[in-house]
């Protein structure tokens, strides 16, 4: 059996989708599925999202809680024990596989495999999706043969590739004609004259954002020139649905999940968190945005991601502790008014073919 290319990361969809995108492009460049391996975490979404013909190894472990409460301390002691078990398992597996290269996209699931690779002297490619690398990546970066960054960096051994996104999104047609067809085919159809705002804060959703958008719908209930598509996430769907205002003008649509290829295809403006994958997709598709960074994200990386986009003129940022319906309404009105110029500004940050470029660098190092 030939020495594989190992792609490791996970814990969240924001790490898993880049793994899929890189693996997809490696295959486009001639790598067989049998020569690629995924390594992720048993506690993440990998077992659901990384299904297919590529072999998947799941390690024990979970992320650390950033709190000093007794429950958090006990949880973190368990996490440290699990990490130790993951490292032992990874050292054994990497020693057997002897991969040509390890590709780490970050997240707690990648640490054990990357550390094992360093111990076995396997080349490491670090794919840094956020403006601030994760703690595990900062620790292991000294062992990286190459760092592929989403944002411009002056650090040594770095190449700016952008965020690797799925081919279906990279090739999404957002022309006026295509968007008109999507709006016409929506159920029910969306008025061609309406501006479309899509709210999306992840598979679970974000209570603070969902509450503010719910109140915004009440505030704008008679606004007949707007379609507001509220993707609540599974945690808050019933709460939002049961408290939705009666709208006499506003086209307010509440869904627990959405097919983002379709929703990004028809929307004019997005309201989102500022995770790396989301920001990468918005840049690639030229969607102006109101960004509400997740408070307390490690290294405050979501704020740093948002600041990059705000500096380009492609988004406005609202801190979570400052969020309200009136603040959101003011920001949204501003973005809707300048959506064409802001769309061009956010698109200027896009890096085309990011996944392909990363895959090309990976193969160069693997050889």
Protein backbone atom coordinates (compact mmCIF):
# COMPACT_ATOMS: atom_id res chain seq x y z
CA UNK A 1 0.00 0.00 0.00
CA UNK A 2 1.36 3.43 -0.93
CA UNK A 3 2.00 6.08 1.69
CA UNK A 4 -1.17 8.18 2.05
CA UNK A 5 -1.87 11.88 2.39
CA UNK A 6 -3.52 12.49 5.76
CA UNK A 7 -5.99 15.37 6.18
CA UNK A 8 -6.80 16.09 9.81
CA UNK A 9 -9.07 18.49 11.63
CA UNK A 10 -12.66 18.79 12.65
CA UNK A 11 -14.90 19.14 15.62
CA UNK A 12 -17.05 21.63 13.68
CA UNK A 13 -18.35 22.01 10.15
CA UNK A 14 -16.06 25.00 9.73
CA UNK A 15 -13.11 22.60 9.73
CA UNK A 16 -14.76 19.62 8.05
CA UNK A 17 -15.85 21.38 4.85
CA UNK A 18 -12.28 22.54 4.07
CA UNK A 19 -11.12 18.93 4.58
CA UNK A 20 -13.69 17.84 2.00
CA UNK A 21 -12.70 20.62 -0.41
CA UNK A 22 -8.98 19.81 -0.21
CA UNK A 23 -9.60 16.08 -0.66
CA UNK A 24 -11.83 16.83 -3.65
CA UNK A 25 -9.07 18.84 -5.33
CA UNK A 26 -6.38 16.27 -4.54
CA UNK A 27 -8.48 13.76 -6.46
CA UNK A 28 -8.87 16.24 -9.33
CA UNK A 29 -5.07 16.38 -9.44
CA UNK A 30 -4.82 12.62 -9.74
CA UNK A 31 -4.63 11.32 -6.18
CA UNK A 32 -6.67 8.15 -5.68
CA UNK A 33 -9.22 8.02 -2.88
CA UNK A 34 -7.35 5.04 -1.45
CA UNK A 35 -4.29 7.28 -1.02
CA UNK A 36 -6.12 9.82 1.18
CA UNK A 37 -7.06 9.46 4.84
CA UNK A 38 -9.17 11.65 7.09
CA UNK A 39 -8.44 11.87 10.83
CA UNK A 40 -10.96 13.59 13.07
CA UNK A 41 -12.64 13.42 16.46
CA UNK A 42 -15.22 10.97 17.75
CA UNK A 43 -17.15 13.81 19.37
CA UNK A 44 -17.37 16.05 16.30
CA UNK A 45 -19.52 15.94 13.17
CA UNK A 46 -16.93 14.02 11.17
CA UNK A 47 -18.73 10.67 11.29
CA UNK A 48 -21.77 12.31 9.67
CA UNK A 49 -20.10 14.73 7.23
CA UNK A 50 -17.05 12.73 6.14
CA UNK A 51 -18.94 9.76 4.82
CA UNK A 52 -17.77 8.23 1.57
CA UNK A 53 -15.01 6.13 0.11
CA UNK A 54 -12.13 7.93 1.86
CA UNK A 55 -11.02 6.14 5.02
CA UNK A 56 -11.82 7.94 8.26
CA UNK A 57 -10.07 7.46 11.60
CA UNK A 58 -11.72 8.99 14.68
CA UNK A 59 -9.65 9.81 17.76
CA UNK A 60 -10.86 10.45 21.31
CA UNK A 61 -10.85 14.00 22.58
CA UNK A 62 -12.82 17.19 22.90
CA UNK A 63 -12.17 20.90 23.12
CA UNK A 64 -11.33 22.75 26.31
CA UNK A 65 -13.95 24.90 28.03
CA UNK A 66 -12.77 28.46 28.69
CA UNK A 67 -14.09 28.78 32.22
CA UNK A 68 -12.90 28.25 35.79
CA UNK A 69 -16.19 26.90 37.09
CA UNK A 70 -15.98 23.53 38.90
CA UNK A 71 -17.83 21.76 36.09
CA UNK A 72 -15.50 23.29 33.49
CA UNK A 73 -12.41 22.29 35.45
CA UNK A 74 -13.65 18.69 35.69
CA UNK A 75 -14.53 18.71 32.00
CA UNK A 76 -11.08 20.04 31.08
CA UNK A 77 -9.35 17.37 33.16
CA UNK A 78 -11.28 14.80 31.15
CA UNK A 79 -10.34 16.61 27.95
CA UNK A 80 -6.63 16.50 28.83
CA UNK A 81 -6.87 12.77 29.56
CA UNK A 82 -8.68 12.20 26.25
CA UNK A 83 -6.04 14.25 24.42
CA UNK A 84 -3.32 12.06 25.87
CA UNK A 85 -5.15 8.97 24.63
CA UNK A 86 -5.57 10.59 21.21
CA UNK A 87 -1.85 11.39 20.99
CA UNK A 88 -0.90 7.79 21.84
CA UNK A 89 -3.35 6.47 19.23
CA UNK A 90 -2.16 8.97 16.62
CA UNK A 91 1.52 8.15 17.19
CA UNK A 92 0.77 4.47 16.61
CA UNK A 93 -1.38 5.11 13.51
CA UNK A 94 0.99 7.59 11.88
CA UNK A 95 3.85 5.17 12.54
CA UNK A 96 1.97 2.47 10.65
CA UNK A 97 0.76 4.67 7.78
CA UNK A 98 3.97 6.70 7.34
CA UNK A 99 2.08 9.35 5.34
CA UNK A 100 3.82 11.44 2.71
CA UNK A 101 2.39 14.60 4.25
CA UNK A 102 -0.12 15.63 6.92
CA UNK A 103 -2.53 18.47 6.17
CA UNK A 104 -3.98 20.14 9.28
CA UNK A 105 -6.97 22.48 8.99
CA UNK A 106 -7.05 23.18 12.75
CA UNK A 107 -9.53 22.43 15.46
CA UNK A 108 -8.86 20.30 18.51
CA UNK A 109 -9.10 17.12 16.43
CA UNK A 110 -5.99 17.98 14.44
CA UNK A 111 -3.55 18.43 17.32
CA UNK A 112 -2.79 14.78 18.11
CA UNK A 113 -2.20 13.81 14.49
CA UNK A 114 -0.02 16.84 13.76
CA UNK A 115 2.04 16.22 16.89
CA UNK A 116 2.45 12.57 15.95
CA UNK A 117 3.58 13.66 12.49
CA UNK A 118 6.21 15.93 14.02
CA UNK A 119 7.52 13.08 16.15
CA UNK A 120 7.74 10.81 13.08
CA UNK A 121 9.24 13.68 11.02
CA UNK A 122 6.36 13.76 8.54
CA UNK A 123 6.02 17.05 6.60
CA UNK A 124 3.13 19.18 7.86
CA UNK A 125 1.04 21.63 5.85
CA UNK A 126 -0.86 23.96 8.19
CA UNK A 127 -4.04 25.41 6.66
CA UNK A 128 -4.84 28.49 8.76
CA UNK A 129 -8.43 29.53 8.11
CA UNK A 130 -8.78 32.32 10.67
CA UNK A 131 -7.02 35.66 10.94
CA UNK A 132 -5.57 34.30 14.21
CA UNK A 133 -4.33 30.67 14.08
CA UNK A 134 -5.75 28.25 16.63
CA UNK A 135 -3.76 27.44 19.77
CA UNK A 136 -2.86 23.99 18.43
CA UNK A 137 -1.61 25.47 15.16
CA UNK A 138 0.45 28.14 16.93
CA UNK A 139 2.14 25.42 18.98
CA UNK A 140 2.90 23.19 15.98
CA UNK A 141 3.69 25.84 13.37
CA UNK A 142 7.43 25.47 14.02
CA UNK A 143 7.15 22.00 12.50
CA UNK A 144 5.20 23.09 9.40
CA UNK A 145 6.81 22.70 6.00
CA UNK A 146 4.30 25.27 4.72
CA UNK A 147 1.55 27.49 6.11
CA UNK A 148 -1.43 28.18 3.83
CA UNK A 149 -3.23 31.25 5.17
CA UNK A 150 -6.67 32.66 4.44
CA UNK A 151 -5.56 36.25 4.94
CA UNK A 152 -2.40 38.09 3.93
CA UNK A 153 0.52 37.31 6.22
CA UNK A 154 4.07 38.59 6.47
CA UNK A 155 5.20 35.58 8.49
CA UNK A 156 7.88 33.35 7.02
CA UNK A 157 7.01 30.11 5.29
CA UNK A 158 3.49 31.37 4.47
CA UNK A 159 1.54 31.42 1.23
CA UNK A 160 -1.82 33.19 1.02
CA UNK A 161 -4.30 30.80 -0.57
CA UNK A 162 -7.66 31.91 0.84
CA UNK A 163 -10.30 29.68 2.40
CA UNK A 164 -10.95 26.37 0.62
CA UNK A 165 -14.67 26.16 -0.12
CA UNK A 166 -16.82 23.55 -1.78
CA UNK A 167 -16.85 23.41 -5.58
CA UNK A 168 -20.63 23.84 -5.60
CA UNK A 169 -20.21 27.25 -3.94
CA UNK A 170 -17.10 28.31 -5.82
CA UNK A 171 -18.92 27.72 -9.10
CA UNK A 172 -22.24 29.21 -7.95
CA UNK A 173 -23.84 31.48 -10.54
CA UNK A 174 -24.97 34.72 -8.89
CA UNK A 175 -25.82 36.55 -12.06
CA UNK A 176 -29.08 38.54 -12.10
CA UNK A 177 -30.66 35.93 -14.36
CA UNK A 178 -29.67 33.00 -12.12
CA UNK A 179 -30.81 34.77 -8.96
CA UNK A 180 -34.11 35.71 -10.61
CA UNK A 181 -34.72 32.05 -11.48
CA UNK A 182 -33.97 30.94 -7.91
CA UNK A 183 -36.37 33.53 -6.50
CA UNK A 184 -39.07 32.46 -8.94
CA UNK A 185 -38.62 28.78 -8.02
CA UNK A 186 -38.66 29.40 -4.25
CA UNK A 187 -41.70 28.11 -2.36
CA UNK A 188 -43.53 30.42 -2.26
CA UNK A 189 -41.93 32.57 -4.96
CA UNK A 190 -40.07 35.70 -3.87
CA UNK A 191 -41.12 39.00 -5.42
CA UNK A 192 -38.58 40.06 -8.03
CA UNK A 193 -38.46 43.58 -6.56
CA UNK A 194 -37.65 42.45 -3.03
CA UNK A 195 -34.24 42.65 -1.41
CA UNK A 196 -33.41 39.29 0.19
CA UNK A 197 -31.64 39.06 3.55
CA UNK A 198 -30.43 35.67 4.78
CA UNK A 199 -29.67 35.07 8.46
CA UNK A 200 -27.41 32.08 9.16
CA UNK A 201 -25.49 31.36 12.37
CA UNK A 202 -24.66 27.65 12.14
CA UNK A 203 -26.35 24.29 12.62
CA UNK A 204 -27.28 25.02 16.26
CA UNK A 205 -27.98 28.71 15.77
CA UNK A 206 -27.18 31.65 18.05
CA UNK A 207 -29.79 32.70 20.61
CA UNK A 208 -28.70 36.35 20.75
CA UNK A 209 -28.86 36.72 16.96
CA UNK A 210 -32.11 34.78 16.67
CA UNK A 211 -33.76 36.96 19.33
CA UNK A 212 -32.59 40.19 17.67
CA UNK A 213 -33.81 39.04 14.24
CA UNK A 214 -37.16 38.01 15.72
CA UNK A 215 -37.54 41.52 17.17
CA UNK A 216 -36.36 43.00 13.86
CA UNK A 217 -39.16 41.15 12.06
CA UNK A 218 -41.64 42.77 14.46
CA UNK A 219 -40.05 46.19 13.87
CA UNK A 220 -40.19 45.74 10.09
CA UNK A 221 -43.45 43.77 9.91
CA UNK A 222 -44.96 46.18 7.36
CA UNK A 223 -41.84 46.49 5.20
CA UNK A 224 -43.14 45.07 1.92
CA UNK A 225 -39.91 45.46 -0.06
CA UNK A 226 -37.95 42.84 1.91
CA UNK A 227 -37.72 39.07 2.19
CA UNK A 228 -36.10 37.96 5.45
CA UNK A 229 -35.03 34.30 5.45
CA UNK A 230 -34.24 33.33 9.02
CA UNK A 231 -32.22 30.11 9.32
CA UNK A 232 -32.54 29.56 13.06
CA UNK A 233 -30.50 26.38 13.58
CA UNK A 234 -32.08 23.40 15.32
CA UNK A 235 -31.78 24.69 18.89
CA UNK A 236 -34.01 27.78 18.56
CA UNK A 237 -36.35 26.88 15.71
CA UNK A 238 -39.44 26.21 17.84
CA UNK A 239 -38.80 29.29 19.98
CA UNK A 240 -38.55 31.56 16.92
CA UNK A 241 -41.50 29.92 15.16
CA UNK A 242 -43.74 30.19 18.23
CA UNK A 243 -42.86 33.85 18.83
CA UNK A 244 -42.89 35.07 15.22
CA UNK A 245 -44.86 38.29 14.67
CA UNK A 246 -47.78 38.62 12.29
CA UNK A 247 -46.32 40.40 9.27
CA UNK A 248 -48.46 42.56 7.00
CA UNK A 249 -45.91 43.29 4.32
CA UNK A 250 -42.60 41.74 5.39
CA UNK A 251 -41.96 38.37 3.71
CA UNK A 252 -40.58 36.60 6.81
CA UNK A 253 -39.53 32.97 6.38
CA UNK A 254 -38.37 30.80 9.27
CA UNK A 255 -36.49 27.55 8.65
CA UNK A 256 -34.33 25.39 10.96
CA UNK A 257 -31.81 24.59 8.22
CA UNK A 258 -31.19 25.71 4.68
CA UNK A 259 -29.36 24.54 1.59
CA UNK A 260 -26.73 27.25 1.60
CA UNK A 261 -25.88 26.89 -2.08
CA UNK A 262 -29.46 27.92 -2.85
CA UNK A 263 -29.72 30.58 -0.14
CA UNK A 264 -26.39 32.22 -1.01
CA UNK A 265 -27.51 32.08 -4.64
CA UNK A 266 -30.55 34.27 -4.12
CA UNK A 267 -29.63 36.60 -1.25
CA UNK A 268 -28.53 40.24 -1.41
CA UNK A 269 -27.24 40.67 2.14
CA UNK A 270 -26.25 38.20 4.88
CA UNK A 271 -26.39 38.37 8.67
CA UNK A 272 -23.92 35.85 10.09
CA UNK A 273 -21.28 35.02 12.65
CA UNK A 274 -17.70 35.53 11.49
CA UNK A 275 -16.26 32.03 11.35
CA UNK A 276 -13.57 31.49 8.74
CA UNK A 277 -15.64 29.30 6.43
CA UNK A 278 -18.61 31.67 6.45
CA UNK A 279 -16.40 34.69 5.81
CA UNK A 280 -14.60 32.80 3.03
CA UNK A 281 -17.88 31.94 1.33
CA UNK A 282 -19.19 35.52 1.60
CA UNK A 283 -15.96 36.88 0.09
CA UNK A 284 -15.96 34.32 -2.73
CA UNK A 285 -19.60 35.08 -3.59
CA UNK A 286 -19.42 38.85 -3.09
CA UNK A 287 -22.22 39.00 -0.51
CA UNK A 288 -22.16 42.16 1.65
CA UNK A 289 -22.83 41.38 5.28
CA UNK A 290 -23.58 42.30 8.83
CA UNK A 291 -21.12 40.24 10.87
CA UNK A 292 -21.78 39.43 14.54
CA UNK A 293 -18.67 37.63 15.86
CA UNK A 294 -19.10 34.83 18.37
CA UNK A 295 -18.14 36.27 21.77
CA UNK A 296 -15.27 34.53 23.49
CA UNK A 297 -14.04 32.68 20.42
CA UNK A 298 -10.47 31.38 20.96
CA UNK A 299 -8.00 34.21 20.43
CA UNK A 300 -11.02 36.40 19.60
CA UNK A 301 -10.46 35.09 16.07
CA UNK A 302 -13.99 35.83 14.86
CA UNK A 303 -13.54 39.52 15.67
CA UNK A 304 -10.22 39.50 13.77
CA UNK A 305 -11.90 37.77 10.81
CA UNK A 306 -14.68 40.38 10.80
CA UNK A 307 -12.20 43.26 11.06
CA UNK A 308 -10.48 42.09 7.86
CA UNK A 309 -13.77 42.30 5.96
CA UNK A 310 -14.89 45.56 7.56
CA UNK A 311 -11.55 47.14 6.60
CA UNK A 312 -12.23 46.26 2.96
CA UNK A 313 -15.60 48.03 3.07
CA UNK A 314 -17.51 44.79 2.49
CA UNK A 315 -19.26 44.40 5.85
CA UNK A 316 -20.35 46.07 9.07
CA UNK A 317 -19.64 44.48 12.45
CA UNK A 318 -21.85 44.44 15.54
CA UNK A 319 -20.46 43.09 18.81
CA UNK A 320 -22.72 40.49 20.36
CA UNK A 321 -23.11 42.47 23.60
CA UNK A 322 -24.26 45.51 21.61
CA UNK A 323 -26.79 43.61 19.51
CA UNK A 324 -30.43 44.67 19.47
CA UNK A 325 -33.19 44.95 16.90
CA UNK A 326 -32.67 48.69 16.47
CA UNK A 327 -28.89 48.38 16.13
CA UNK A 328 -29.34 45.55 13.64
CA UNK A 329 -31.95 47.51 11.68
CA UNK A 330 -29.64 50.52 11.38
CA UNK A 331 -26.72 48.39 10.17
CA UNK A 332 -28.90 46.45 7.75
CA UNK A 333 -30.40 49.58 6.23
CA UNK A 334 -26.89 50.91 5.61
CA UNK A 335 -25.73 47.69 3.94
CA UNK A 336 -28.88 47.39 1.81
CA UNK A 337 -28.40 50.97 0.62
CA UNK A 338 -24.78 50.28 -0.42
CA UNK A 339 -25.06 46.60 -1.29
CA UNK A 340 -23.59 46.92 -4.80
CA UNK A 341 -20.43 48.75 -3.77
CA UNK A 342 -20.06 46.69 -0.59
CA UNK A 343 -20.50 43.48 -2.60
CA UNK A 344 -17.62 44.53 -4.84
CA UNK A 345 -15.50 45.37 -1.79
CA UNK A 346 -15.98 42.02 -0.06
CA UNK A 347 -15.37 40.19 -3.35
CA UNK A 348 -11.97 41.90 -3.56
CA UNK A 349 -10.83 39.70 -0.64
CA UNK A 350 -11.67 36.46 -2.45
CA UNK A 351 -8.94 34.04 -3.48
CA UNK A 352 -10.10 31.93 -6.39
CA UNK A 353 -9.28 28.21 -6.46
CA UNK A 354 -8.09 28.17 -2.84
CA UNK A 355 -8.65 24.42 -2.40
CA UNK A 356 -6.88 23.65 -5.67
CA UNK A 357 -3.93 25.87 -4.74
CA UNK A 358 -3.61 24.20 -1.33
CA UNK A 359 -3.82 20.75 -2.94
CA UNK A 360 -1.08 21.73 -5.42
CA UNK A 361 1.23 22.84 -2.60
CA UNK A 362 0.45 19.64 -0.67
CA UNK A 363 1.46 17.50 -3.66
CA UNK A 364 4.66 19.46 -4.14
CA UNK A 365 5.66 18.73 -0.55
CA UNK A 366 4.45 15.12 -0.76
CA UNK A 367 6.79 14.52 -3.69
